[in-house]
Amino acid sequence: MSQFKVGDKVRILPNVFNGSEDSEDRKWVGQVVELVRFNYFWEAINKTEDDYVYLKEEEMELVARQVTDKDIKRIKDWLGLSICAGDLSVRIDAKNVRIIYDALDKLYTLRTEKGMKMWRTLIRAHYDKHNPTYFLATIPGWSPGTLISLEFKDIPEEISSRIQNGQIRFHATVNLGATNVNDLNISNWEVD
């Protein structure tokens, strides 16, 4: 799984185009570009010149990442802020935005540490119709006997409706090295 995602802004490192003496290639070194697509290599665009380049992961470093609702939820848990991504420009001043980006850096570091590697694994859902806002789940690959509480609003709508209709087996990407429930990161839900 890639540490980068579409929309990331990355700086092209000096080892790009190793061995190439072509000045056309060397002009990219040090430039900040935006990742637009992945297909064996990352395709990135330099918007000021409207020019594209293809990169390997070892040829770039993360400079900035767009804030998503999922990132905001994790940040909100850390910082106690009551915000959503759509409200950032309206309700959060520059100081708080800096705090948010620092927290995103922490999140990025956590995700890339050995214990936070993401794995595709089984999740079993346990739905109680008397609790319409959340459901219980077990992740056998992480801790088979531990029930965790998940909110429907934090998972894709299709998965939510299937759980409410009785489906119990799903796959998702989970950081199986998490040491406690609060460090779990569950994404990329799939229907079996």
Protein backbone atom coordinates (compact mmCIF):
# COMPACT_ATOMS: atom_id res chain seq x y z
CA MET A 1 0.00 0.00 0.00
CA SER A 2 1.30 3.41 -0.94
CA GLN A 3 2.13 6.07 1.62
CA PHE A 4 0.94 8.64 -0.93
CA LYS A 5 -2.54 9.40 -2.24
CA VAL A 6 -4.08 11.40 -5.08
CA GLY A 7 -4.07 15.11 -4.26
CA ASP A 8 -0.83 14.98 -2.23
CA LYS A 9 1.72 17.65 -2.98
CA VAL A 10 5.22 16.18 -3.15
CA ARG A 11 8.75 17.50 -3.68
CA ILE A 12 10.83 15.69 -6.29
CA LEU A 13 14.07 14.46 -4.73
CA PRO A 14 17.55 14.73 -6.28
CA ASN A 15 17.67 10.96 -6.98
CA VAL A 16 14.92 11.34 -9.59
CA PHE A 17 15.99 10.35 -13.09
CA ASN A 18 19.21 8.88 -11.68
CA GLY A 19 21.88 8.73 -14.31
CA SER A 20 20.04 11.04 -16.70
CA GLU A 21 22.03 13.98 -17.94
CA ASP A 22 19.06 15.32 -19.92
CA SER A 23 18.45 18.90 -18.74
CA GLU A 24 14.75 18.41 -19.51
CA ASP A 25 14.65 15.69 -16.81
CA ARG A 26 16.84 17.57 -14.31
CA LYS A 27 14.50 20.60 -14.29
CA TRP A 28 12.06 18.61 -12.13
CA VAL A 29 14.44 18.17 -9.18
CA GLY A 30 13.22 20.13 -6.15
CA GLN A 31 9.89 21.11 -7.70
CA VAL A 32 6.63 20.61 -5.82
CA VAL A 33 4.00 18.78 -7.87
CA GLU A 34 0.55 17.34 -7.22
CA LEU A 35 -0.14 13.61 -7.57
CA VAL A 36 -3.03 12.96 -9.95
CA ARG A 37 -3.00 9.22 -10.72
CA PHE A 38 -1.25 5.93 -9.90
CA ASN A 39 -0.62 3.25 -12.52
CA TYR A 40 2.63 1.43 -11.63
CA PHE A 41 4.18 4.91 -11.28
CA TRP A 42 2.73 8.11 -9.83
CA GLU A 43 1.67 10.68 -12.40
CA ALA A 44 2.15 14.21 -11.11
CA ILE A 45 1.42 17.64 -12.54
CA ASN A 46 3.24 20.91 -12.16
CA LYS A 47 0.23 23.24 -12.36
CA THR A 48 2.24 26.39 -13.03
CA GLU A 49 3.74 24.88 -16.18
CA ASP A 50 0.85 22.47 -16.90
CA ASP A 51 3.40 19.70 -17.40
CA TYR A 52 3.34 16.06 -16.22
CA VAL A 53 6.03 13.78 -14.81
CA TYR A 54 6.04 10.10 -13.76
CA LEU A 55 7.62 9.23 -10.41
CA LYS A 56 8.49 6.27 -8.19
CA GLU A 57 7.81 6.59 -4.46
CA GLU A 58 11.52 6.79 -3.59
CA GLU A 59 11.83 9.83 -5.87
CA MET A 60 9.52 12.08 -3.85
CA GLU A 61 8.71 13.32 -0.35
CA LEU A 62 5.37 14.48 1.03
CA VAL A 63 5.00 18.24 1.35
CA ALA A 64 1.25 18.69 1.91
CA ARG A 65 -1.86 16.54 2.08
CA GLN A 66 -5.49 17.56 1.62
CA VAL A 67 -7.50 17.35 4.80
CA THR A 68 -10.34 14.82 4.53
CA ASP A 69 -13.28 14.18 6.85
CA LYS A 70 -11.62 10.95 8.00
CA ASP A 71 -8.43 12.82 8.91
CA ILE A 72 -10.50 15.46 10.69
CA LYS A 73 -12.29 12.79 12.76
CA ARG A 74 -8.94 11.42 13.92
CA ILE A 75 -7.63 14.93 14.59
CA LYS A 76 -10.81 15.83 16.45
CA ASP A 77 -10.25 12.84 18.73
CA TRP A 78 -6.69 13.99 19.45
CA LEU A 79 -7.37 17.70 19.80
CA GLY A 80 -10.98 17.88 20.96
CA LEU A 81 -11.95 20.16 18.06
CA SER A 82 -15.51 20.13 16.75
CA ILE A 83 -14.98 20.64 13.03
CA CYS A 84 -15.49 18.98 9.67
CA ALA A 85 -13.36 19.37 6.54
CA GLY A 86 -15.93 21.59 4.80
CA ASP A 87 -15.84 24.09 7.67
CA LEU A 88 -12.07 24.51 7.85
CA SER A 89 -11.81 27.81 6.00
CA VAL A 90 -14.79 29.34 7.79
CA ARG A 91 -14.46 28.30 11.42
CA ILE A 92 -10.79 27.57 12.01
CA ASP A 93 -8.17 30.30 12.20
CA ALA A 94 -4.62 30.00 10.90
CA LYS A 95 -3.22 28.88 14.26
CA ASN A 96 -5.64 25.95 14.44
CA VAL A 97 -4.94 24.99 10.84
CA ARG A 98 -1.24 24.74 11.75
CA ILE A 99 -2.18 22.52 14.70
CA ILE A 100 -4.27 20.37 12.37
CA TYR A 101 -1.43 19.94 9.90
CA ASP A 102 0.95 19.08 12.74
CA ALA A 103 -1.57 16.45 13.85
CA LEU A 104 -1.76 15.15 10.28
CA ASP A 105 2.01 14.80 10.29
CA LYS A 106 1.68 12.78 13.49
CA LEU A 107 -1.02 10.65 11.85
CA TYR A 108 1.18 10.13 8.79
CA THR A 109 4.10 9.09 11.03
CA LEU A 110 1.90 6.67 12.97
CA ARG A 111 0.63 5.08 9.77
CA THR A 112 4.12 4.49 8.45
CA GLU A 113 5.59 3.04 11.66
CA LYS A 114 6.08 -0.73 11.64
CA GLY A 115 3.16 -1.38 14.02
CA MET A 116 0.76 0.68 11.93
CA LYS A 117 1.17 -1.11 8.60
CA MET A 118 -2.22 -1.55 6.94
CA TRP A 119 -3.44 -5.07 6.12
CA ARG A 120 -6.56 -6.38 4.36
CA THR A 121 -8.43 -8.43 6.97
CA LEU A 122 -11.81 -9.87 7.97
CA ILE A 123 -14.27 -7.86 10.08
CA ARG A 124 -17.36 -9.42 11.65
CA ALA A 125 -20.24 -7.03 12.37
CA HIS A 126 -22.71 -7.51 15.21
CA TYR A 127 -25.77 -5.30 14.74
CA ASP A 128 -28.35 -4.56 17.42
CA LYS A 129 -31.45 -2.90 15.93
CA HIS A 130 -31.99 -1.11 19.26
CA ASN A 131 -28.79 0.90 18.66
CA PRO A 132 -29.27 2.61 15.27
CA THR A 133 -26.15 4.81 15.42
CA TYR A 134 -23.47 2.20 15.99
CA PHE A 135 -22.63 -1.50 15.74
CA LEU A 136 -20.16 -3.82 17.38
CA ALA A 137 -17.41 -5.56 15.43
CA THR A 138 -14.63 -8.06 15.91
CA ILE A 139 -11.40 -8.10 13.95
CA PRO A 140 -10.05 -11.66 14.28
CA GLY A 141 -6.68 -10.70 12.79
CA TRP A 142 -6.18 -8.02 15.43
CA SER A 143 -7.80 -9.33 18.63
CA PRO A 144 -10.35 -12.13 18.11
CA GLY A 145 -12.11 -11.75 21.46
CA THR A 146 -12.36 -7.95 21.53
CA LEU A 147 -15.61 -6.22 20.59
CA ILE A 148 -15.16 -2.71 19.29
CA SER A 149 -17.87 -0.10 18.81
CA LEU A 150 -18.07 1.60 15.38
CA GLU A 151 -20.43 4.35 14.26
CA PHE A 152 -22.41 3.94 11.05
CA LYS A 153 -21.53 7.50 10.02
CA ASP A 154 -17.85 6.51 9.84
CA ILE A 155 -18.29 3.74 7.25
CA PRO A 156 -19.52 3.72 3.64
CA GLU A 157 -23.30 3.87 3.23
CA GLU A 158 -23.43 0.60 1.27
CA ILE A 159 -21.66 -1.25 4.10
CA SER A 160 -23.90 0.40 6.69
CA SER A 161 -27.10 -0.71 4.96
CA ARG A 162 -25.79 -4.26 4.53
CA ILE A 163 -24.97 -4.49 8.24
CA GLN A 164 -28.46 -3.24 9.10
CA ASN A 165 -29.89 -5.89 6.75
CA GLY A 166 -28.04 -8.70 8.51
CA GLN A 167 -24.78 -9.19 6.63
CA ILE A 168 -21.97 -9.87 9.09
CA ARG A 169 -18.75 -10.58 7.09
CA PHE A 170 -16.71 -7.83 5.47
CA HIS A 171 -13.12 -7.11 4.61
CA ALA A 172 -11.33 -3.83 5.24
CA THR A 173 -7.82 -2.46 5.52
CA VAL A 174 -6.75 -2.30 9.18
CA ASN A 175 -3.52 -1.50 11.01
CA LEU A 176 -3.22 -4.85 12.76
CA GLY A 177 -0.20 -3.68 14.74
CA ALA A 178 -2.31 -1.19 16.75
CA THR A 179 -1.78 -1.64 20.48
CA ASN A 180 -5.26 -0.47 21.52
CA VAL A 181 -8.71 0.28 20.10
CA ASN A 182 -8.10 4.04 19.88
CA ASP A 183 -5.16 3.48 17.50
CA LEU A 184 -7.14 1.30 15.08
CA ASN A 185 -7.49 2.72 11.60
CA ILE A 186 -10.11 0.97 9.46
CA SER A 187 -10.56 1.91 5.80
CA ASN A 188 -11.33 0.52 2.33
CA TRP A 189 -14.35 -1.52 3.37
CA GLU A 190 -15.29 -4.32 0.96
CA VAL A 191 -18.42 -6.42 0.59
CA ASP A 192 -17.83 -10.19 0.68
